[in-house]
Amino acid sequence: MFSPLGLRLCQFFMLLQVFSYTDTVRSISRGAFDTIGLVGPMVRMEAVANGFSALGWAMALALTFTSLAPLAGRVVFVLAGMMWFDVLTTWPLDMPLPDGFLYWGSAVVLIQLAIGLALDRRFGAAASGVVPGWSRYACIAFALVFAWSAFSVWRGDFADSALPAIVLGPHAIANGIAAAGWIAVFAMATAGRSDWAGRFGLFLLGMWFWDMVTTLPLALPLPPAQAVWGPLSVGLMLAVLAPLFGRIALTKNQGLNNE
C-alpha cells in the first residue's frame, strides 16, 4: 500500500501529464508539427489524440479524490498504451522533440505503467479468478485481427496510403506487438492471473485507441466507416476485459484526500 507521500507523488506526476499533453496540443495547433511528414488531416488528429490524453490524465487525477478512485489506475493503463503506440509509430519522424523519442518516450510509458499499477493495487478490487470462456477466446480473435493487420502492412497493402513510408514498418511492428499482447492476455486469464490480464488488456486497448483516432481521416485499405466500427471495437474490448476485474466496491473512504 502506498504511503500518503507516495500517493501525492503519483498525483503530481498525473498533473504533469495533463500539462504535457495540453502543451503538445498547443504546439500542434500552432503549426510546430506541420512539417514532420504526416498529411494535414493526420496531424490534426494527432492533436485530437493528445487532447484525449490530456483529458484522460485529468480524469484519472480527479478520480483519485472521489469514491471512484478504483478506476484511476485502470484509466492510466489505457493512457500508457496510447502513448506507447504513438512512440512506436512516430519516432522515425523529424519532430520538434528531444532526440531519442523512442527511448525516453518508452521510459515515460514505464513510469506511467508503474503509476497505474500502484494506483490499481491501492484502490482496485481483487479479481474473482473466474473468467468466462467467451471473454478469453475473444482475446484470441483480437490477436488474429492485429496479426493480419501487421501482415497486411508488412506485405505492402498500405504502401499507397497516406501513411508515410518511414512509419509503415513501425506500424507493422506495433500491430504485431498488439497481436502477441492479446495472446498473452488470453494466457494470463487462462492461468488464473485475470488481474494482470485485465491490466495488460487495457494497455493494448489504449494502443488501438490511439491508432484508431489518428488514422480516422485517412484513406486506408480497411473496411469503410472506421468512424463507426472503430469506437464500437473499443467498446467491445472493454466488454471483453470487464470480467477480468473484480467488482469495485465504492466507498466514501477510497479517495486520495481520505488518506
C-alpha atoms as a PDB file:
ATOM      1  CA  MET A   1       0.000   0.000   0.000  1.00  0.00           C
ATOM      2  CA  PHE A   2       1.210   3.479  -0.827  1.00  0.00           C
ATOM      3  CA  SER A   3       2.091   5.965   1.848  1.00  0.00           C
ATOM      4  CA  PRO A   4       0.315   9.337   1.693  1.00  0.00           C
ATOM      5  CA  LEU A   5       3.521  10.834   0.250  1.00  0.00           C
ATOM      6  CA  GLY A   6       3.635   8.172  -2.461  1.00  0.00           C
ATOM      7  CA  LEU A   7       0.071   8.914  -3.428  1.00  0.00           C
ATOM      8  CA  ARG A   8       0.795  12.628  -3.600  1.00  0.00           C
ATOM      9  CA  LEU A   9       3.780  11.982  -5.864  1.00  0.00           C
ATOM     10  CA  CYS A  10       1.525   9.958  -8.167  1.00  0.00           C
ATOM     11  CA  GLN A  11      -0.927  12.808  -8.186  1.00  0.00           C
ATOM     12  CA  PHE A  12       1.825  15.303  -9.038  1.00  0.00           C
ATOM     13  CA  PHE A  13       3.034  13.139 -11.934  1.00  0.00           C
ATOM     14  CA  MET A  14      -0.515  12.900 -13.281  1.00  0.00           C
ATOM     15  CA  LEU A  15      -0.817  16.680 -13.167  1.00  0.00           C
ATOM     16  CA  LEU A  16       2.445  16.988 -15.111  1.00  0.00           C
ATOM     17  CA  GLN A  17       0.984  14.686 -17.773  1.00  0.00           C
ATOM     18  CA  VAL A  18      -2.050  16.938 -18.116  1.00  0.00           C
ATOM     19  CA  PHE A  19       0.220  19.939 -18.725  1.00  0.00           C
ATOM     20  CA  SER A  20       2.491  17.989 -21.096  1.00  0.00           C
ATOM     21  CA  TYR A  21      -0.290  16.743 -23.367  1.00  0.00           C
ATOM     22  CA  THR A  22      -2.036  20.116 -23.289  1.00  0.00           C
ATOM     23  CA  ASP A  23       1.201  21.769 -24.378  1.00  0.00           C
ATOM     24  CA  THR A  24       1.546  19.261 -27.227  1.00  0.00           C
ATOM     25  CA  VAL A  25      -1.949  20.137 -28.429  1.00  0.00           C
ATOM     26  CA  ARG A  26      -0.999  23.813 -28.314  1.00  0.00           C
ATOM     27  CA  SER A  27       2.195  23.176 -30.280  1.00  0.00           C
ATOM     28  CA  ILE A  28       0.369  21.198 -32.961  1.00  0.00           C
ATOM     29  CA  SER A  29      -2.320  23.882 -33.268  1.00  0.00           C
ATOM     30  CA  ARG A  30       0.418  26.477 -33.818  1.00  0.00           C
ATOM     31  CA  GLY A  31       1.945  24.504 -36.686  1.00  0.00           C
ATOM     32  CA  ALA A  32       5.017  23.098 -34.943  1.00  0.00           C
ATOM     33  CA  PHE A  33       4.286  19.613 -36.369  1.00  0.00           C
ATOM     34  CA  ASP A  34       3.198  20.651 -39.870  1.00  0.00           C
ATOM     35  CA  THR A  35       6.494  19.642 -41.485  1.00  0.00           C
ATOM     36  CA  ILE A  36       7.170  16.306 -39.787  1.00  0.00           C
ATOM     37  CA  GLY A  37       5.969  14.283 -42.780  1.00  0.00           C
ATOM     38  CA  LEU A  38       2.359  13.495 -41.872  1.00  0.00           C
ATOM     39  CA  VAL A  39      -0.529  14.709 -44.009  1.00  0.00           C
ATOM     40  CA  GLY A  40      -2.542  17.608 -42.619  1.00  0.00           C
ATOM     41  CA  PRO A  41      -5.624  15.620 -41.557  1.00  0.00           C
ATOM     42  CA  MET A  42      -3.475  13.165 -39.601  1.00  0.00           C
ATOM     43  CA  VAL A  43      -1.591  15.990 -37.871  1.00  0.00           C
ATOM     44  CA  ARG A  44      -4.928  17.411 -36.746  1.00  0.00           C
ATOM     45  CA  MET A  45      -5.998  14.023 -35.432  1.00  0.00           C
ATOM     46  CA  GLU A  46      -2.693  13.785 -33.541  1.00  0.00           C
ATOM     47  CA  ALA A  47      -3.830  16.945 -31.760  1.00  0.00           C
ATOM     48  CA  VAL A  48      -7.171  15.292 -31.027  1.00  0.00           C
ATOM     49  CA  ALA A  49      -5.458  12.182 -29.649  1.00  0.00           C
ATOM     50  CA  ASN A  50      -3.184  14.274 -27.448  1.00  0.00           C
ATOM     51  CA  GLY A  51      -6.264  16.152 -26.281  1.00  0.00           C
ATOM     52  CA  PHE A  52      -7.884  12.856 -25.298  1.00  0.00           C
ATOM     53  CA  SER A  53      -4.736  12.008 -23.346  1.00  0.00           C
ATOM     54  CA  ALA A  54      -4.789  15.342 -21.518  1.00  0.00           C
ATOM     55  CA  LEU A  55      -8.442  14.835 -20.614  1.00  0.00           C
ATOM     56  CA  GLY A  56      -7.744  11.245 -19.613  1.00  0.00           C
ATOM     57  CA  TRP A  57      -4.982  12.210 -17.206  1.00  0.00           C
ATOM     58  CA  ALA A  58      -7.155  14.972 -15.764  1.00  0.00           C
ATOM     59  CA  MET A  59      -9.954  12.438 -15.275  1.00  0.00           C
ATOM     60  CA  ALA A  60      -7.635   9.891 -13.645  1.00  0.00           C
ATOM     61  CA  LEU A  61      -6.315  12.579 -11.326  1.00  0.00           C
ATOM     62  CA  ALA A  62      -9.822  13.697 -10.384  1.00  0.00           C
ATOM     63  CA  LEU A  63     -10.896  10.107  -9.743  1.00  0.00           C
ATOM     64  CA  THR A  64      -8.281   9.731  -7.011  1.00  0.00           C
ATOM     65  CA  PHE A  65     -10.207  12.291  -4.963  1.00  0.00           C
ATOM     66  CA  THR A  66     -13.561  10.505  -5.241  1.00  0.00           C
ATOM     67  CA  SER A  67     -15.304   7.266  -4.397  1.00  0.00           C
ATOM     68  CA  LEU A  68     -14.453   6.190  -7.969  1.00  0.00           C
ATOM     69  CA  ALA A  69     -10.752   6.006  -7.117  1.00  0.00           C
ATOM     70  CA  PRO A  70     -10.608   2.275  -8.065  1.00  0.00           C
ATOM     71  CA  LEU A  71     -10.981   3.336 -11.702  1.00  0.00           C
ATOM     72  CA  ALA A  72      -7.974   5.685 -11.682  1.00  0.00           C
ATOM     73  CA  GLY A  73      -5.282   3.064 -12.194  1.00  0.00           C
ATOM     74  CA  ARG A  74      -7.250   1.400 -14.967  1.00  0.00           C
ATOM     75  CA  VAL A  75      -7.607   4.666 -16.840  1.00  0.00           C
ATOM     76  CA  VAL A  76      -3.847   5.125 -16.537  1.00  0.00           C
ATOM     77  CA  PHE A  77      -3.188   1.729 -18.172  1.00  0.00           C
ATOM     78  CA  VAL A  78      -5.199   2.860 -21.202  1.00  0.00           C
ATOM     79  CA  LEU A  79      -3.350   6.184 -21.346  1.00  0.00           C
ATOM     80  CA  ALA A  80       0.030   4.428 -21.174  1.00  0.00           C
ATOM     81  CA  GLY A  81      -0.958   2.234 -24.114  1.00  0.00           C
ATOM     82  CA  MET A  82      -1.980   5.310 -26.080  1.00  0.00           C
ATOM     83  CA  MET A  83       1.394   6.930 -25.547  1.00  0.00           C
ATOM     84  CA  TRP A  84       3.366   3.797 -26.413  1.00  0.00           C
ATOM     85  CA  PHE A  85       1.614   3.380 -29.751  1.00  0.00           C
ATOM     86  CA  ASP A  86       2.445   6.999 -30.507  1.00  0.00           C
ATOM     87  CA  VAL A  87       6.080   6.427 -29.513  1.00  0.00           C
ATOM     88  CA  LEU A  88       6.401   3.203 -31.516  1.00  0.00           C
ATOM     89  CA  THR A  89       4.945   4.615 -34.722  1.00  0.00           C
ATOM     90  CA  THR A  90       6.227   8.204 -34.878  1.00  0.00           C
ATOM     91  CA  TRP A  91       9.785   8.007 -33.534  1.00  0.00           C
ATOM     92  CA  PRO A  92      11.354   7.955 -37.048  1.00  0.00           C
ATOM     93  CA  LEU A  93       9.742  11.318 -37.903  1.00  0.00           C
ATOM     94  CA  ASP A  94      11.636  14.590 -37.602  1.00  0.00           C
ATOM     95  CA  MET A  95       9.541  16.060 -34.803  1.00  0.00           C
ATOM     96  CA  PRO A  96      10.215  19.132 -32.631  1.00  0.00           C
ATOM     97  CA  LEU A  97      11.041  16.899 -29.666  1.00  0.00           C
ATOM     98  CA  PRO A  98      14.276  15.977 -27.868  1.00  0.00           C
ATOM     99  CA  ASP A  99      16.359  13.308 -29.619  1.00  0.00           C
ATOM    100  CA  GLY A 100      15.767   9.679 -28.724  1.00  0.00           C
ATOM    101  CA  PHE A 101      11.966   9.808 -28.580  1.00  0.00           C
ATOM    102  CA  LEU A 102      11.780   6.015 -28.799  1.00  0.00           C
ATOM    103  CA  TYR A 103      13.912   5.650 -25.679  1.00  0.00           C
ATOM    104  CA  TRP A 104      12.776   8.471 -23.405  1.00  0.00           C
ATOM    105  CA  GLY A 105       9.197   8.088 -24.584  1.00  0.00           C
ATOM    106  CA  SER A 106       9.248   4.389 -23.676  1.00  0.00           C
ATOM    107  CA  ALA A 107      10.779   5.289 -20.308  1.00  0.00           C
ATOM    108  CA  VAL A 108       7.890   7.675 -19.632  1.00  0.00           C
ATOM    109  CA  VAL A 109       5.463   4.879 -20.549  1.00  0.00           C
ATOM    110  CA  LEU A 110       7.135   2.626 -17.962  1.00  0.00           C
ATOM    111  CA  ILE A 111       6.657   5.330 -15.332  1.00  0.00           C
ATOM    112  CA  GLN A 112       3.014   5.657 -16.353  1.00  0.00           C
ATOM    113  CA  LEU A 113       2.559   1.889 -16.009  1.00  0.00           C
ATOM    114  CA  ALA A 114       4.186   1.954 -12.576  1.00  0.00           C
ATOM    115  CA  ILE A 115       1.778   4.700 -11.511  1.00  0.00           C
ATOM    116  CA  GLY A 116      -1.181   2.759 -12.884  1.00  0.00           C
ATOM    117  CA  LEU A 117      -0.096  -0.428 -11.129  1.00  0.00           C
ATOM    118  CA  ALA A 118       0.429   1.375  -7.825  1.00  0.00           C
ATOM    119  CA  LEU A 119      -2.994   3.009  -8.007  1.00  0.00           C
ATOM    120  CA  ASP A 120      -4.710  -0.210  -9.061  1.00  0.00           C
ATOM    121  CA  ARG A 121      -3.118  -2.136  -6.202  1.00  0.00           C
ATOM    122  CA  ARG A 122      -4.052   0.621  -3.748  1.00  0.00           C
ATOM    123  CA  PHE A 123      -7.651   1.131  -4.836  1.00  0.00           C
ATOM    124  CA  GLY A 124      -8.627  -1.729  -7.163  1.00  0.00           C
ATOM    125  CA  ALA A 125     -10.706  -4.714  -6.102  1.00  0.00           C
ATOM    126  CA  ALA A 126      -9.257  -8.197  -6.433  1.00  0.00           C
ATOM    127  CA  ALA A 127     -10.383 -10.165  -9.460  1.00  0.00           C
ATOM    128  CA  SER A 128     -12.665 -13.121  -8.878  1.00  0.00           C
ATOM    129  CA  GLY A 129     -10.429 -15.535 -10.810  1.00  0.00           C
ATOM    130  CA  VAL A 130     -13.410 -16.860 -12.767  1.00  0.00           C
ATOM    131  CA  VAL A 131     -13.189 -15.650 -16.371  1.00  0.00           C
ATOM    132  CA  PRO A 132     -15.940 -16.622 -18.842  1.00  0.00           C
ATOM    133  CA  GLY A 133     -14.726 -18.594 -21.848  1.00  0.00           C
ATOM    134  CA  TRP A 134     -16.181 -16.090 -24.288  1.00  0.00           C
ATOM    135  CA  SER A 135     -14.051 -13.340 -22.764  1.00  0.00           C
ATOM    136  CA  ARG A 136     -10.843 -15.345 -23.031  1.00  0.00           C
ATOM    137  CA  TYR A 137     -11.464 -16.563 -26.574  1.00  0.00           C
ATOM    138  CA  ALA A 138     -12.401 -13.083 -27.750  1.00  0.00           C
ATOM    139  CA  CYS A 139      -8.790 -12.187 -26.934  1.00  0.00           C
ATOM    140  CA  ILE A 140      -7.693 -14.793 -29.490  1.00  0.00           C
ATOM    141  CA  ALA A 141      -9.956 -13.134 -32.058  1.00  0.00           C
ATOM    142  CA  PHE A 142      -8.385  -9.745 -31.306  1.00  0.00           C
ATOM    143  CA  ALA A 143      -4.929 -11.300 -31.698  1.00  0.00           C
ATOM    144  CA  LEU A 144      -5.830 -12.667 -35.128  1.00  0.00           C
ATOM    145  CA  VAL A 145      -7.139  -9.287 -36.269  1.00  0.00           C
ATOM    146  CA  PHE A 146      -3.972  -7.464 -35.224  1.00  0.00           C
ATOM    147  CA  ALA A 147      -1.750 -10.213 -36.642  1.00  0.00           C
ATOM    148  CA  TRP A 148      -3.499  -9.861 -40.008  1.00  0.00           C
ATOM    149  CA  SER A 149      -3.128  -6.090 -39.818  1.00  0.00           C
ATOM    150  CA  ALA A 150       0.616  -6.422 -39.153  1.00  0.00           C
ATOM    151  CA  PHE A 151       0.988  -8.836 -42.066  1.00  0.00           C
ATOM    152  CA  SER A 152      -1.053  -6.566 -44.321  1.00  0.00           C
ATOM    153  CA  VAL A 153       1.191  -3.587 -43.582  1.00  0.00           C
ATOM    154  CA  TRP A 154       4.325  -5.712 -43.976  1.00  0.00           C
ATOM    155  CA  ARG A 155       3.357  -7.053 -47.412  1.00  0.00           C
ATOM    156  CA  GLY A 156       2.724  -3.550 -48.745  1.00  0.00           C
ATOM    157  CA  ASP A 157      -1.046  -3.145 -48.673  1.00  0.00           C
ATOM    158  CA  PHE A 158      -0.605   0.303 -47.107  1.00  0.00           C
ATOM    159  CA  ALA A 159       2.173   1.438 -49.465  1.00  0.00           C
ATOM    160  CA  ASP A 160      -0.181   3.701 -51.414  1.00  0.00           C
ATOM    161  CA  SER A 161      -1.960   5.037 -48.343  1.00  0.00           C
ATOM    162  CA  ALA A 162      -1.475   8.462 -46.773  1.00  0.00           C
ATOM    163  CA  LEU A 163       0.852   6.990 -44.158  1.00  0.00           C
ATOM    164  CA  PRO A 164       4.487   7.989 -44.806  1.00  0.00           C
ATOM    165  CA  ALA A 165       6.670   5.069 -45.886  1.00  0.00           C
ATOM    166  CA  ILE A 166       9.019   5.717 -42.966  1.00  0.00           C
ATOM    167  CA  VAL A 167       6.336   4.812 -40.411  1.00  0.00           C
ATOM    168  CA  LEU A 168       4.909   1.737 -42.157  1.00  0.00           C
ATOM    169  CA  GLY A 169       7.488  -0.589 -40.606  1.00  0.00           C
ATOM    170  CA  PRO A 170       6.855   0.735 -37.093  1.00  0.00           C
ATOM    171  CA  HIS A 171       3.099   0.367 -37.647  1.00  0.00           C
ATOM    172  CA  ALA A 172       3.584  -3.278 -38.633  1.00  0.00           C
ATOM    173  CA  ILE A 173       5.709  -3.843 -35.517  1.00  0.00           C
ATOM    174  CA  ALA A 174       3.151  -2.108 -33.276  1.00  0.00           C
ATOM    175  CA  ASN A 175       0.337  -4.265 -34.645  1.00  0.00           C
ATOM    176  CA  GLY A 176       2.483  -7.376 -34.222  1.00  0.00           C
ATOM    177  CA  ILE A 177       3.101  -6.421 -30.594  1.00  0.00           C
ATOM    178  CA  ALA A 178      -0.655  -5.968 -30.135  1.00  0.00           C
ATOM    179  CA  ALA A 179      -1.302  -9.421 -31.609  1.00  0.00           C
ATOM    180  CA  ALA A 180       1.229 -11.046 -29.280  1.00  0.00           C
ATOM    181  CA  GLY A 181      -0.181  -8.995 -26.426  1.00  0.00           C
ATOM    182  CA  TRP A 182      -3.708 -10.314 -26.837  1.00  0.00           C
ATOM    183  CA  ILE A 183      -2.335 -13.864 -26.868  1.00  0.00           C
ATOM    184  CA  ALA A 184      -0.604 -13.024 -23.587  1.00  0.00           C
ATOM    185  CA  VAL A 185      -3.883 -11.680 -22.156  1.00  0.00           C
ATOM    186  CA  PHE A 186      -5.584 -14.966 -23.091  1.00  0.00           C
ATOM    187  CA  ALA A 187      -2.767 -16.976 -21.493  1.00  0.00           C
ATOM    188  CA  MET A 188      -2.799 -14.966 -18.266  1.00  0.00           C
ATOM    189  CA  ALA A 189      -6.585 -15.180 -17.968  1.00  0.00           C
ATOM    190  CA  THR A 190      -6.482 -18.933 -18.596  1.00  0.00           C
ATOM    191  CA  ALA A 191      -3.757 -19.352 -15.971  1.00  0.00           C
ATOM    192  CA  GLY A 192      -5.877 -17.566 -13.363  1.00  0.00           C
ATOM    193  CA  ARG A 193      -3.983 -14.253 -13.464  1.00  0.00           C
ATOM    194  CA  SER A 194      -7.010 -12.269 -14.559  1.00  0.00           C
ATOM    195  CA  ASP A 195      -5.798  -9.169 -12.706  1.00  0.00           C
ATOM    196  CA  TRP A 196      -2.656  -8.926 -14.849  1.00  0.00           C
ATOM    197  CA  ALA A 197      -4.596  -9.951 -17.943  1.00  0.00           C
ATOM    198  CA  GLY A 198      -7.028  -7.076 -17.408  1.00  0.00           C
ATOM    199  CA  ARG A 199      -4.274  -4.523 -16.865  1.00  0.00           C
ATOM    200  CA  PHE A 200      -2.374  -5.607 -19.968  1.00  0.00           C
ATOM    201  CA  GLY A 201      -5.601  -5.711 -21.956  1.00  0.00           C
ATOM    202  CA  LEU A 202      -6.360  -2.101 -21.065  1.00  0.00           C
ATOM    203  CA  PHE A 203      -2.855  -1.151 -22.198  1.00  0.00           C
ATOM    204  CA  LEU A 204      -3.485  -2.847 -25.557  1.00  0.00           C
ATOM    205  CA  LEU A 205      -6.864  -1.143 -25.816  1.00  0.00           C
ATOM    206  CA  GLY A 206      -5.074   2.187 -25.411  1.00  0.00           C
ATOM    207  CA  MET A 207      -2.690   1.307 -28.241  1.00  0.00           C
ATOM    208  CA  TRP A 208      -5.603   0.581 -30.556  1.00  0.00           C
ATOM    209  CA  PHE A 209      -7.487   3.701 -29.476  1.00  0.00           C
ATOM    210  CA  TRP A 210      -4.564   5.949 -30.454  1.00  0.00           C
ATOM    211  CA  ASP A 211      -4.186   4.177 -33.806  1.00  0.00           C
ATOM    212  CA  MET A 212      -7.914   4.375 -34.499  1.00  0.00           C
ATOM    213  CA  VAL A 213      -8.199   8.082 -33.670  1.00  0.00           C
ATOM    214  CA  THR A 214      -5.138   9.281 -35.572  1.00  0.00           C
ATOM    215  CA  THR A 215      -5.950   7.372 -38.782  1.00  0.00           C
ATOM    216  CA  LEU A 216      -9.674   8.194 -38.937  1.00  0.00           C
ATOM    217  CA  PRO A 217      -9.407  10.715 -41.814  1.00  0.00           C
ATOM    218  CA  LEU A 218      -7.035   8.623 -43.935  1.00  0.00           C
ATOM    219  CA  ALA A 219      -7.927   6.510 -46.955  1.00  0.00           C
ATOM    220  CA  LEU A 220      -6.603   3.127 -45.818  1.00  0.00           C
ATOM    221  CA  PRO A 221      -7.230  -0.421 -47.076  1.00  0.00           C
ATOM    222  CA  LEU A 222      -9.647  -1.044 -44.219  1.00  0.00           C
ATOM    223  CA  PRO A 223     -13.407  -1.624 -44.052  1.00  0.00           C
ATOM    224  CA  PRO A 224     -15.373   1.602 -44.648  1.00  0.00           C
ATOM    225  CA  ALA A 225     -16.907   3.696 -41.872  1.00  0.00           C
ATOM    226  CA  GLN A 226     -13.981   3.439 -39.447  1.00  0.00           C
ATOM    227  CA  ALA A 227     -15.587   6.305 -37.529  1.00  0.00           C
ATOM    228  CA  VAL A 228     -18.372   3.833 -36.687  1.00  0.00           C
ATOM    229  CA  TRP A 229     -16.730   0.453 -36.255  1.00  0.00           C
ATOM    230  CA  GLY A 230     -13.593   1.899 -34.631  1.00  0.00           C
ATOM    231  CA  PRO A 231     -15.319   3.221 -31.485  1.00  0.00           C
ATOM    232  CA  LEU A 232     -17.556   0.132 -31.434  1.00  0.00           C
ATOM    233  CA  SER A 233     -14.452  -2.077 -31.387  1.00  0.00           C
ATOM    234  CA  VAL A 234     -13.136  -0.125 -28.384  1.00  0.00           C
ATOM    235  CA  GLY A 235     -16.444  -0.732 -26.605  1.00  0.00           C
ATOM    236  CA  LEU A 236     -16.210  -4.427 -27.464  1.00  0.00           C
ATOM    237  CA  MET A 237     -12.716  -4.613 -25.984  1.00  0.00           C
ATOM    238  CA  LEU A 238     -13.971  -3.000 -22.782  1.00  0.00           C
ATOM    239  CA  ALA A 239     -16.794  -5.547 -22.613  1.00  0.00           C
ATOM    240  CA  VAL A 240     -14.314  -8.400 -23.085  1.00  0.00           C
ATOM    241  CA  LEU A 241     -11.965  -7.061 -20.415  1.00  0.00           C
ATOM    242  CA  ALA A 242     -14.657  -6.260 -17.837  1.00  0.00           C
ATOM    243  CA  PRO A 243     -14.898  -9.853 -16.494  1.00  0.00           C
ATOM    244  CA  LEU A 244     -11.150  -9.827 -15.820  1.00  0.00           C
ATOM    245  CA  PHE A 245     -11.583  -7.339 -12.985  1.00  0.00           C
ATOM    246  CA  GLY A 246     -13.166  -7.803  -9.600  1.00  0.00           C
ATOM    247  CA  ARG A 247     -16.327  -5.945  -8.753  1.00  0.00           C
ATOM    248  CA  ILE A 248     -15.473  -2.474  -7.489  1.00  0.00           C
ATOM    249  CA  ALA A 249     -16.928  -1.665  -4.105  1.00  0.00           C
ATOM    250  CA  LEU A 250     -17.304   2.106  -3.964  1.00  0.00           C
ATOM    251  CA  THR A 251     -16.935   3.710  -0.593  1.00  0.00           C
ATOM    252  CA  LYS A 252     -16.576   7.269   0.567  1.00  0.00           C
ATOM    253  CA  ASN A 253     -13.170   6.481   2.062  1.00  0.00           C
ATOM    254  CA  GLN A 254     -11.272   5.454  -1.065  1.00  0.00           C
ATOM    255  CA  GLY A 255     -10.338   8.870  -2.374  1.00  0.00           C
ATOM    256  CA  LEU A 256      -6.831  10.248  -2.105  1.00  0.00           C
ATOM    257  CA  ASN A 257      -7.933  13.020   0.238  1.00  0.00           C
ATOM    258  CA  ASN A 258      -9.030  10.494   2.814  1.00  0.00           C
ATOM    259  CA  GLU A 259      -5.619   9.028   3.468  1.00  0.00           C
END
